[in-house]
């Protein structure tokens, strides 16, 4: 996904004189050719993430369209105040693009983990959030985010599904239909969800865009108002949106994702998934228990 981001952003720099990239050392070497062609629009501020976002805010105020990039914890957490003030409070647009996801860089320790990034940015006004599950989804998301003029967060990951989603337009993709409830798989969790729900009479939906969340498709494809949300970040981040959409009927919602308890081990991303019940076996167990409590 990062390679697609670099390739697409380099093309955008060539195509759009308003486009600019602001970096804080991470991935800086990948933009060497773009910097040679556009030295005034590829800016590396060094390991100063707060400054990176403030520079983006200044560029946006001058009419530029900045893309801001680093690891998720350094972007969404370390520079949160600058996002709040220099982008949202000043009501200017920028495209924030992170790598590392929740724990892609598990071997780097807790400093590089960011399972709470989407929940944190969810408190800011006017921020769209996109969680691609395949590199083939990244270019369109980037181009549309830049063209929109608004504020967007694009969460890249090393985890991915086998194939890109046909719905990269903000809608939920209907993978299959069932009668006993619905499972919404976000981003790179889709393949695991499909495998974990084999043989269960459930509707499976795939979300690439989670803010705004396409609850309209969820409602029209739903037979029974029991919903499981599988998110590759903090568990329950989007349950409030489903609760609001189903406020007119009795319903149940189960939010699966990364737990709040810190796993104080380095491990691999797959081991972290298993610890949080986000592997195929853990998802199957949680979903079957939820259905059994009906």
C-alpha atoms as a PDB file:
ATOM      1  CA  UNK A   1       0.000   0.000   0.000  1.00  0.00           C
ATOM      2  CA  UNK A   2       2.847   2.402   0.790  1.00  0.00           C
ATOM      3  CA  UNK A   3       4.346   1.829  -2.666  1.00  0.00           C
ATOM      4  CA  UNK A   4       0.990   2.691  -4.270  1.00  0.00           C
ATOM      5  CA  UNK A   5       0.759   5.797  -2.103  1.00  0.00           C
ATOM      6  CA  UNK A   6       4.223   6.974  -3.190  1.00  0.00           C
ATOM      7  CA  UNK A   7       3.576   6.245  -6.855  1.00  0.00           C
ATOM      8  CA  UNK A   8       0.171   7.976  -6.868  1.00  0.00           C
ATOM      9  CA  UNK A   9       1.360  10.974  -4.883  1.00  0.00           C
ATOM     10  CA  UNK A  10       4.346  11.406  -7.201  1.00  0.00           C
ATOM     11  CA  UNK A  11       1.942  11.426 -10.143  1.00  0.00           C
ATOM     12  CA  UNK A  12      -0.286  13.970  -8.378  1.00  0.00           C
ATOM     13  CA  UNK A  13       2.704  16.260  -7.874  1.00  0.00           C
ATOM     14  CA  UNK A  14       3.338  16.131 -11.626  1.00  0.00           C
ATOM     15  CA  UNK A  15      -0.324  16.698 -12.493  1.00  0.00           C
ATOM     16  CA  UNK A  16      -1.530  19.242  -9.921  1.00  0.00           C
ATOM     17  CA  UNK A  17       0.524  22.345  -9.055  1.00  0.00           C
ATOM     18  CA  UNK A  18      -1.451  22.664  -5.813  1.00  0.00           C
ATOM     19  CA  UNK A  19      -0.307  19.272  -4.513  1.00  0.00           C
ATOM     20  CA  UNK A  20       2.444  19.172  -1.889  1.00  0.00           C
ATOM     21  CA  UNK A  21       3.862  16.457   0.367  1.00  0.00           C
ATOM     22  CA  UNK A  22       4.967  17.113   3.932  1.00  0.00           C
ATOM     23  CA  UNK A  23       7.075  14.428   5.624  1.00  0.00           C
ATOM     24  CA  UNK A  24       8.792  13.868   8.957  1.00  0.00           C
ATOM     25  CA  UNK A  25      11.648  11.646   7.738  1.00  0.00           C
ATOM     26  CA  UNK A  26       9.441   8.537   7.343  1.00  0.00           C
ATOM     27  CA  UNK A  27       9.415   7.471   3.633  1.00  0.00           C
ATOM     28  CA  UNK A  28      11.460  10.556   2.700  1.00  0.00           C
ATOM     29  CA  UNK A  29      13.855   8.552   0.526  1.00  0.00           C
ATOM     30  CA  UNK A  30      10.938   7.196  -1.502  1.00  0.00           C
ATOM     31  CA  UNK A  31      10.212  10.738  -2.697  1.00  0.00           C
ATOM     32  CA  UNK A  32      13.753  11.593  -3.861  1.00  0.00           C
ATOM     33  CA  UNK A  33      12.790  11.683  -7.556  1.00  0.00           C
ATOM     34  CA  UNK A  34       9.675  13.710  -6.850  1.00  0.00           C
ATOM     35  CA  UNK A  35      11.722  16.144  -4.737  1.00  0.00           C
ATOM     36  CA  UNK A  36      14.211  16.581  -7.575  1.00  0.00           C
ATOM     37  CA  UNK A  37      11.376  17.592  -9.918  1.00  0.00           C
ATOM     38  CA  UNK A  38       9.373  19.604  -7.373  1.00  0.00           C
ATOM     39  CA  UNK A  39      11.811  20.837  -4.700  1.00  0.00           C
ATOM     40  CA  UNK A  40       9.363  23.397  -3.324  1.00  0.00           C
ATOM     41  CA  UNK A  41       6.505  20.919  -2.948  1.00  0.00           C
ATOM     42  CA  UNK A  42       8.183  17.921  -1.285  1.00  0.00           C
ATOM     43  CA  UNK A  43       9.064  19.084   2.216  1.00  0.00           C
ATOM     44  CA  UNK A  44      10.807  16.991   4.879  1.00  0.00           C
ATOM     45  CA  UNK A  45      10.781  18.765   8.250  1.00  0.00           C
ATOM     46  CA  UNK A  46      12.741  16.037  10.037  1.00  0.00           C
ATOM     47  CA  UNK A  47      11.488  14.251  13.126  1.00  0.00           C
ATOM     48  CA  UNK A  48       9.083  17.059  13.995  1.00  0.00           C
ATOM     49  CA  UNK A  49       5.599  15.668  13.476  1.00  0.00           C
ATOM     50  CA  UNK A  50       3.775  18.608  15.068  1.00  0.00           C
ATOM     51  CA  UNK A  51       5.618  20.981  12.751  1.00  0.00           C
ATOM     52  CA  UNK A  52       4.773  18.728   9.798  1.00  0.00           C
ATOM     53  CA  UNK A  53       1.039  19.239  10.407  1.00  0.00           C
ATOM     54  CA  UNK A  54       1.440  22.962  11.105  1.00  0.00           C
ATOM     55  CA  UNK A  55       3.322  23.381   7.811  1.00  0.00           C
ATOM     56  CA  UNK A  56       0.473  21.550   6.082  1.00  0.00           C
ATOM     57  CA  UNK A  57      -1.990  23.959   7.659  1.00  0.00           C
ATOM     58  CA  UNK A  58      -0.010  26.917   6.339  1.00  0.00           C
ATOM     59  CA  UNK A  59       0.172  25.399   2.869  1.00  0.00           C
ATOM     60  CA  UNK A  60      -3.576  24.810   2.908  1.00  0.00           C
ATOM     61  CA  UNK A  61      -4.237  28.419   3.925  1.00  0.00           C
ATOM     62  CA  UNK A  62      -2.193  29.535   0.918  1.00  0.00           C
ATOM     63  CA  UNK A  63      -4.308  27.450  -1.473  1.00  0.00           C
ATOM     64  CA  UNK A  64      -2.152  24.334  -1.644  1.00  0.00           C
ATOM     65  CA  UNK A  65      -3.416  20.764  -1.235  1.00  0.00           C
ATOM     66  CA  UNK A  66      -1.031  19.092   1.230  1.00  0.00           C
ATOM     67  CA  UNK A  67      -0.594  15.360   1.770  1.00  0.00           C
ATOM     68  CA  UNK A  68       0.879  14.605   5.196  1.00  0.00           C
ATOM     69  CA  UNK A  69       2.561  11.278   5.852  1.00  0.00           C
ATOM     70  CA  UNK A  70       4.185   9.298   8.655  1.00  0.00           C
ATOM     71  CA  UNK A  71       3.479   6.406  11.031  1.00  0.00           C
ATOM     72  CA  UNK A  72       0.003   6.355  12.555  1.00  0.00           C
ATOM     73  CA  UNK A  73       1.021   7.076  16.185  1.00  0.00           C
ATOM     74  CA  UNK A  74       3.219  10.000  15.135  1.00  0.00           C
ATOM     75  CA  UNK A  75       0.491  11.453  12.920  1.00  0.00           C
ATOM     76  CA  UNK A  76      -2.796  10.871  14.750  1.00  0.00           C
ATOM     77  CA  UNK A  77      -1.543  10.895  18.341  1.00  0.00           C
ATOM     78  CA  UNK A  78       1.648  12.970  18.605  1.00  0.00           C
ATOM     79  CA  UNK A  79       0.341  15.717  16.295  1.00  0.00           C
ATOM     80  CA  UNK A  80      -3.308  15.586  17.399  1.00  0.00           C
ATOM     81  CA  UNK A  81      -3.351  19.150  18.751  1.00  0.00           C
ATOM     82  CA  UNK A  82      -1.974  20.519  15.481  1.00  0.00           C
ATOM     83  CA  UNK A  83      -4.593  18.596  13.488  1.00  0.00           C
ATOM     84  CA  UNK A  84      -7.274  20.032  15.781  1.00  0.00           C
ATOM     85  CA  UNK A  85      -6.048  23.623  15.605  1.00  0.00           C
ATOM     86  CA  UNK A  86      -4.106  24.069  12.356  1.00  0.00           C
ATOM     87  CA  UNK A  87      -6.492  22.077  10.160  1.00  0.00           C
ATOM     88  CA  UNK A  88      -9.897  21.741  11.814  1.00  0.00           C
ATOM     89  CA  UNK A  89     -10.061  25.036  13.728  1.00  0.00           C
ATOM     90  CA  UNK A  90      -8.766  26.939  10.699  1.00  0.00           C
ATOM     91  CA  UNK A  91     -11.199  24.917   8.548  1.00  0.00           C
ATOM     92  CA  UNK A  92      -8.688  23.965   5.874  1.00  0.00           C
ATOM     93  CA  UNK A  93      -8.211  20.692   4.055  1.00  0.00           C
ATOM     94  CA  UNK A  94      -5.380  18.162   4.010  1.00  0.00           C
ATOM     95  CA  UNK A  95      -4.959  14.462   3.328  1.00  0.00           C
ATOM     96  CA  UNK A  96      -3.371  12.587   6.236  1.00  0.00           C
ATOM     97  CA  UNK A  97      -1.844   9.265   5.175  1.00  0.00           C
ATOM     98  CA  UNK A  98      -0.490   6.893   7.800  1.00  0.00           C
ATOM     99  CA  UNK A  99       1.385   3.615   7.756  1.00  0.00           C
ATOM    100  CA  UNK A 100       1.872   1.109  10.562  1.00  0.00           C
ATOM    101  CA  UNK A 101      -1.841   0.633  11.294  1.00  0.00           C
ATOM    102  CA  UNK A 102      -2.494  -0.829  14.747  1.00  0.00           C
ATOM    103  CA  UNK A 103       0.644  -2.942  15.090  1.00  0.00           C
ATOM    104  CA  UNK A 104       2.162  -3.671  11.669  1.00  0.00           C
ATOM    105  CA  UNK A 105       5.494  -2.678  13.212  1.00  0.00           C
ATOM    106  CA  UNK A 106       4.942  -4.868  16.243  1.00  0.00           C
ATOM    107  CA  UNK A 107       8.678  -5.498  16.608  1.00  0.00           C
ATOM    108  CA  UNK A 108       9.275  -1.785  17.180  1.00  0.00           C
ATOM    109  CA  UNK A 109       7.229  -1.855  20.367  1.00  0.00           C
ATOM    110  CA  UNK A 110       4.432   0.259  21.771  1.00  0.00           C
ATOM    111  CA  UNK A 111       5.809   3.515  20.343  1.00  0.00           C
ATOM    112  CA  UNK A 112       4.806   2.285  16.877  1.00  0.00           C
ATOM    113  CA  UNK A 113       1.352   0.909  17.788  1.00  0.00           C
ATOM    114  CA  UNK A 114      -1.773   3.020  17.158  1.00  0.00           C
ATOM    115  CA  UNK A 115      -5.006   1.046  17.628  1.00  0.00           C
ATOM    116  CA  UNK A 116      -6.775   4.180  18.883  1.00  0.00           C
ATOM    117  CA  UNK A 117      -6.069   6.446  15.898  1.00  0.00           C
ATOM    118  CA  UNK A 118      -9.496   6.285  14.224  1.00  0.00           C
ATOM    119  CA  UNK A 119     -11.325   6.750  17.530  1.00  0.00           C
ATOM    120  CA  UNK A 120      -9.143   9.764  18.310  1.00  0.00           C
ATOM    121  CA  UNK A 121      -9.673  11.468  14.943  1.00  0.00           C
ATOM    122  CA  UNK A 122     -13.376  10.644  15.156  1.00  0.00           C
ATOM    123  CA  UNK A 123     -13.704  13.480  17.645  1.00  0.00           C
ATOM    124  CA  UNK A 124     -12.797  16.055  14.999  1.00  0.00           C
ATOM    125  CA  UNK A 125     -15.308  17.715  12.704  1.00  0.00           C
ATOM    126  CA  UNK A 126     -15.343  17.039   8.969  1.00  0.00           C
ATOM    127  CA  UNK A 127     -12.757  14.251   8.830  1.00  0.00           C
ATOM    128  CA  UNK A 128     -13.441  11.436   6.375  1.00  0.00           C
ATOM    129  CA  UNK A 129     -11.695   8.167   7.217  1.00  0.00           C
ATOM    130  CA  UNK A 130     -10.689   5.462   4.749  1.00  0.00           C
ATOM    131  CA  UNK A 131      -9.250   2.046   5.611  1.00  0.00           C
ATOM    132  CA  UNK A 132      -8.154   0.291   2.407  1.00  0.00           C
ATOM    133  CA  UNK A 133      -7.887  -3.474   2.469  1.00  0.00           C
ATOM    134  CA  UNK A 134      -5.823  -3.865  -0.694  1.00  0.00           C
ATOM    135  CA  UNK A 135      -3.233  -1.766  -2.594  1.00  0.00           C
ATOM    136  CA  UNK A 136      -5.638  -1.647  -5.547  1.00  0.00           C
ATOM    137  CA  UNK A 137      -7.967   0.587  -3.527  1.00  0.00           C
ATOM    138  CA  UNK A 138      -5.374   3.179  -2.560  1.00  0.00           C
ATOM    139  CA  UNK A 139      -4.989   5.221  -5.759  1.00  0.00           C
ATOM    140  CA  UNK A 140      -8.675   6.046  -6.126  1.00  0.00           C
ATOM    141  CA  UNK A 141      -8.989   6.916  -2.433  1.00  0.00           C
ATOM    142  CA  UNK A 142      -6.001   9.249  -2.662  1.00  0.00           C
ATOM    143  CA  UNK A 143      -7.091  10.963  -5.837  1.00  0.00           C
ATOM    144  CA  UNK A 144     -10.636  11.500  -4.604  1.00  0.00           C
ATOM    145  CA  UNK A 145      -9.413  12.777  -1.239  1.00  0.00           C
ATOM    146  CA  UNK A 146      -7.113  15.307  -2.905  1.00  0.00           C
ATOM    147  CA  UNK A 147      -9.820  16.396  -5.346  1.00  0.00           C
ATOM    148  CA  UNK A 148     -12.411  16.804  -2.589  1.00  0.00           C
ATOM    149  CA  UNK A 149     -10.649  19.722  -0.949  1.00  0.00           C
ATOM    150  CA  UNK A 150     -11.637  18.453   2.497  1.00  0.00           C
ATOM    151  CA  UNK A 151      -9.931  16.704   5.383  1.00  0.00           C
ATOM    152  CA  UNK A 152      -9.259  12.984   5.021  1.00  0.00           C
ATOM    153  CA  UNK A 153      -7.390  10.283   6.899  1.00  0.00           C
ATOM    154  CA  UNK A 154      -6.207   7.286   4.886  1.00  0.00           C
ATOM    155  CA  UNK A 155      -4.959   4.391   7.024  1.00  0.00           C
ATOM    156  CA  UNK A 156      -2.525   2.185   5.116  1.00  0.00           C
ATOM    157  CA  UNK A 157      -1.554  -1.261   6.376  1.00  0.00           C
ATOM    158  CA  UNK A 158       0.760  -4.132   5.519  1.00  0.00           C
ATOM    159  CA  UNK A 159      -2.173  -6.500   6.056  1.00  0.00           C
ATOM    160  CA  UNK A 160      -4.384  -6.922   3.020  1.00  0.00           C
ATOM    161  CA  UNK A 161      -7.129  -8.971   1.417  1.00  0.00           C
ATOM    162  CA  UNK A 162      -6.535 -11.157  -1.630  1.00  0.00           C
ATOM    163  CA  UNK A 163      -8.443  -8.832  -3.975  1.00  0.00           C
ATOM    164  CA  UNK A 164      -9.486  -5.160  -4.021  1.00  0.00           C
ATOM    165  CA  UNK A 165     -13.026  -4.198  -3.161  1.00  0.00           C
ATOM    166  CA  UNK A 166     -15.344  -3.190  -6.018  1.00  0.00           C
ATOM    167  CA  UNK A 167     -16.817  -0.524  -3.723  1.00  0.00           C
ATOM    168  CA  UNK A 168     -14.271   2.256  -3.186  1.00  0.00           C
ATOM    169  CA  UNK A 169     -16.929   4.944  -3.496  1.00  0.00           C
ATOM    170  CA  UNK A 170     -17.919   5.194   0.160  1.00  0.00           C
ATOM    171  CA  UNK A 171     -20.592   2.491   0.012  1.00  0.00           C
ATOM    172  CA  UNK A 172     -20.613  -0.893   1.709  1.00  0.00           C
ATOM    173  CA  UNK A 173     -19.886  -3.803  -0.628  1.00  0.00           C
ATOM    174  CA  UNK A 174     -22.324  -6.708  -0.187  1.00  0.00           C
ATOM    175  CA  UNK A 175     -20.167  -9.848  -0.191  1.00  0.00           C
ATOM    176  CA  UNK A 176     -23.006 -12.261   0.535  1.00  0.00           C
ATOM    177  CA  UNK A 177     -26.520 -12.256   1.970  1.00  0.00           C
ATOM    178  CA  UNK A 178     -27.858 -14.103   5.025  1.00  0.00           C
ATOM    179  CA  UNK A 179     -30.918 -14.042   7.282  1.00  0.00           C
ATOM    180  CA  UNK A 180     -29.602 -14.222  10.857  1.00  0.00           C
ATOM    181  CA  UNK A 181     -27.605 -11.010  11.134  1.00  0.00           C
ATOM    182  CA  UNK A 182     -24.944  -8.880   9.463  1.00  0.00           C
ATOM    183  CA  UNK A 183     -21.171  -8.699   9.793  1.00  0.00           C
ATOM    184  CA  UNK A 184     -19.368  -5.559   8.644  1.00  0.00           C
ATOM    185  CA  UNK A 185     -15.694  -6.211   7.904  1.00  0.00           C
ATOM    186  CA  UNK A 186     -13.521  -3.090   7.758  1.00  0.00           C
ATOM    187  CA  UNK A 187     -10.505  -2.805   5.473  1.00  0.00           C
ATOM    188  CA  UNK A 188      -8.038  -5.708   5.617  1.00  0.00           C
ATOM    189  CA  UNK A 189     -10.227  -7.859   7.895  1.00  0.00           C
ATOM    190  CA  UNK A 190     -12.503  -9.034   5.062  1.00  0.00           C
ATOM    191  CA  UNK A 191     -10.799 -12.302   4.109  1.00  0.00           C
ATOM    192  CA  UNK A 192     -10.659 -13.392   7.755  1.00  0.00           C
ATOM    193  CA  UNK A 193     -14.314 -12.508   8.269  1.00  0.00           C
ATOM    194  CA  UNK A 194     -15.398 -14.439   5.169  1.00  0.00           C
ATOM    195  CA  UNK A 195     -13.460 -17.490   6.350  1.00  0.00           C
ATOM    196  CA  UNK A 196     -14.690 -17.186   9.942  1.00  0.00           C
ATOM    197  CA  UNK A 197     -18.357 -16.980   8.909  1.00  0.00           C
ATOM    198  CA  UNK A 198     -18.380 -19.882   6.460  1.00  0.00           C
ATOM    199  CA  UNK A 199     -21.532 -21.952   6.981  1.00  0.00           C
ATOM    200  CA  UNK A 200     -23.248 -19.253   9.052  1.00  0.00           C
ATOM    201  CA  UNK A 201     -26.432 -17.684   7.662  1.00  0.00           C
ATOM    202  CA  UNK A 202     -25.105 -14.124   7.857  1.00  0.00           C
ATOM    203  CA  UNK A 203     -24.857 -11.144   5.545  1.00  0.00           C
ATOM    204  CA  UNK A 204     -21.231 -10.039   5.090  1.00  0.00           C
ATOM    205  CA  UNK A 205     -20.494  -6.435   4.132  1.00  0.00           C
ATOM    206  CA  UNK A 206     -17.144  -4.784   3.448  1.00  0.00           C
ATOM    207  CA  UNK A 207     -16.313  -1.187   4.386  1.00  0.00           C
ATOM    208  CA  UNK A 208     -13.364   0.744   2.968  1.00  0.00           C
ATOM    209  CA  UNK A 209     -14.725   4.139   4.037  1.00  0.00           C
ATOM    210  CA  UNK A 210     -15.802   4.265   7.694  1.00  0.00           C
ATOM    211  CA  UNK A 211     -16.415   8.000   8.073  1.00  0.00           C
ATOM    212  CA  UNK A 212     -19.002   8.536   6.909  1.00  0.00           C
ATOM    213  CA  UNK A 213     -20.206   4.969   7.395  1.00  0.00           C
ATOM    214  CA  UNK A 214     -22.749   3.740   4.846  1.00  0.00           C
ATOM    215  CA  UNK A 215     -25.456   2.648   7.277  1.00  0.00           C
ATOM    216  CA  UNK A 216     -28.093   2.975   4.525  1.00  0.00           C
ATOM    217  CA  UNK A 217     -26.780  -0.153   2.774  1.00  0.00           C
ATOM    218  CA  UNK A 218     -26.532  -1.914   6.121  1.00  0.00           C
ATOM    219  CA  UNK A 219     -30.217  -1.239   6.776  1.00  0.00           C
ATOM    220  CA  UNK A 220     -31.538  -2.269   3.353  1.00  0.00           C
ATOM    221  CA  UNK A 221     -29.601  -5.553   3.382  1.00  0.00           C
ATOM    222  CA  UNK A 222     -30.572  -6.475   6.938  1.00  0.00           C
ATOM    223  CA  UNK A 223     -33.157  -9.141   7.802  1.00  0.00           C
ATOM    224  CA  UNK A 224     -32.438  -9.361  11.532  1.00  0.00           C
ATOM    225  CA  UNK A 225     -31.084  -6.327  13.452  1.00  0.00           C
ATOM    226  CA  UNK A 226     -28.066  -8.135  14.913  1.00  0.00           C
ATOM    227  CA  UNK A 227     -24.780  -6.566  13.749  1.00  0.00           C
ATOM    228  CA  UNK A 228     -21.146  -7.509  14.270  1.00  0.00           C
ATOM    229  CA  UNK A 229     -18.510  -4.888  13.441  1.00  0.00           C
ATOM    230  CA  UNK A 230     -14.984  -6.160  12.811  1.00  0.00           C
ATOM    231  CA  UNK A 231     -12.505  -3.273  12.825  1.00  0.00           C
ATOM    232  CA  UNK A 232      -8.685  -3.536  12.625  1.00  0.00           C
ATOM    233  CA  UNK A 233      -8.308  -0.870  15.320  1.00  0.00           C
ATOM    234  CA  UNK A 234      -9.908  -0.160  18.712  1.00  0.00           C
ATOM    235  CA  UNK A 235     -12.898  -2.431  19.320  1.00  0.00           C
ATOM    236  CA  UNK A 236     -16.230  -0.595  19.290  1.00  0.00           C
ATOM    237  CA  UNK A 237     -14.985   2.487  17.433  1.00  0.00           C
ATOM    238  CA  UNK A 238     -17.982   2.475  15.061  1.00  0.00           C
ATOM    239  CA  UNK A 239     -20.679   0.830  17.179  1.00  0.00           C
ATOM    240  CA  UNK A 240     -22.299   4.181  18.012  1.00  0.00           C
ATOM    241  CA  UNK A 241     -23.025   4.779  14.330  1.00  0.00           C
ATOM    242  CA  UNK A 242     -24.820   1.434  14.014  1.00  0.00           C
ATOM    243  CA  UNK A 243     -26.706   2.100  17.263  1.00  0.00           C
ATOM    244  CA  UNK A 244     -27.846   5.460  15.898  1.00  0.00           C
ATOM    245  CA  UNK A 245     -28.966   3.911  12.605  1.00  0.00           C
ATOM    246  CA  UNK A 246     -30.954   1.221  14.459  1.00  0.00           C
ATOM    247  CA  UNK A 247     -32.338   3.454  17.214  1.00  0.00           C
ATOM    248  CA  UNK A 248     -35.869   2.925  15.895  1.00  0.00           C
ATOM    249  CA  UNK A 249     -35.832  -0.859  16.516  1.00  0.00           C
ATOM    250  CA  UNK A 250     -34.603  -3.250  19.231  1.00  0.00           C
ATOM    251  CA  UNK A 251     -31.174  -4.447  18.105  1.00  0.00           C
ATOM    252  CA  UNK A 252     -27.849  -5.892  19.193  1.00  0.00           C
ATOM    253  CA  UNK A 253     -24.376  -4.745  18.185  1.00  0.00           C
ATOM    254  CA  UNK A 254     -21.056  -6.484  18.855  1.00  0.00           C
ATOM    255  CA  UNK A 255     -17.859  -4.534  18.265  1.00  0.00           C
ATOM    256  CA  UNK A 256     -14.781  -6.647  17.615  1.00  0.00           C
ATOM    257  CA  UNK A 257     -11.331  -5.158  17.232  1.00  0.00           C
ATOM    258  CA  UNK A 258      -8.183  -4.397  19.169  1.00  0.00           C
ATOM    259  CA  UNK A 259      -8.760  -4.530  22.926  1.00  0.00           C
ATOM    260  CA  UNK A 260      -7.842  -1.748  25.335  1.00  0.00           C
ATOM    261  CA  UNK A 261      -5.514  -3.939  27.387  1.00  0.00           C
ATOM    262  CA  UNK A 262      -1.967  -3.510  26.132  1.00  0.00           C
ATOM    263  CA  UNK A 263      -0.249  -6.686  24.974  1.00  0.00           C
ATOM    264  CA  UNK A 264       3.172  -6.214  26.554  1.00  0.00           C
ATOM    265  CA  UNK A 265       4.989  -8.395  24.038  1.00  0.00           C
ATOM    266  CA  UNK A 266       6.670  -7.556  20.752  1.00  0.00           C
ATOM    267  CA  UNK A 267       5.539 -10.571  18.753  1.00  0.00           C
ATOM    268  CA  UNK A 268       4.303 -10.510  15.161  1.00  0.00           C
ATOM    269  CA  UNK A 269       1.198  -8.829  13.769  1.00  0.00           C
ATOM    270  CA  UNK A 270      -0.410 -12.275  13.458  1.00  0.00           C
ATOM    271  CA  UNK A 271       0.291 -12.981  17.128  1.00  0.00           C
ATOM    272  CA  UNK A 272      -1.257  -9.646  18.101  1.00  0.00           C
ATOM    273  CA  UNK A 273      -4.314 -10.485  15.987  1.00  0.00           C
ATOM    274  CA  UNK A 274      -4.673 -13.787  17.815  1.00  0.00           C
ATOM    275  CA  UNK A 275      -4.258 -12.120  21.211  1.00  0.00           C
ATOM    276  CA  UNK A 276      -7.096  -9.712  20.377  1.00  0.00           C
ATOM    277  CA  UNK A 277      -9.334 -12.388  18.853  1.00  0.00           C
ATOM    278  CA  UNK A 278      -8.956 -10.944  15.367  1.00  0.00           C
ATOM    279  CA  UNK A 279      -7.642 -14.120  13.745  1.00  0.00           C
ATOM    280  CA  UNK A 280     -10.045 -16.483  11.998  1.00  0.00           C
ATOM    281  CA  UNK A 281     -10.507 -18.747  15.030  1.00  0.00           C
ATOM    282  CA  UNK A 282     -11.094 -15.852  17.409  1.00  0.00           C
ATOM    283  CA  UNK A 283     -13.605 -14.189  15.104  1.00  0.00           C
ATOM    284  CA  UNK A 284     -15.516 -17.439  14.650  1.00  0.00           C
ATOM    285  CA  UNK A 285     -15.673 -17.988  18.393  1.00  0.00           C
ATOM    286  CA  UNK A 286     -16.883 -14.449  19.164  1.00  0.00           C
ATOM    287  CA  UNK A 287     -19.495 -14.459  16.385  1.00  0.00           C
ATOM    288  CA  UNK A 288     -20.889 -17.872  17.354  1.00  0.00           C
ATOM    289  CA  UNK A 289     -21.140 -16.793  21.013  1.00  0.00           C
ATOM    290  CA  UNK A 290     -22.965 -13.627  19.959  1.00  0.00           C
ATOM    291  CA  UNK A 291     -25.453 -15.602  17.871  1.00  0.00           C
ATOM    292  CA  UNK A 292     -25.990 -18.134  20.665  1.00  0.00           C
ATOM    293  CA  UNK A 293     -26.999 -15.389  23.119  1.00  0.00           C
ATOM    294  CA  UNK A 294     -29.939 -14.344  20.951  1.00  0.00           C
END
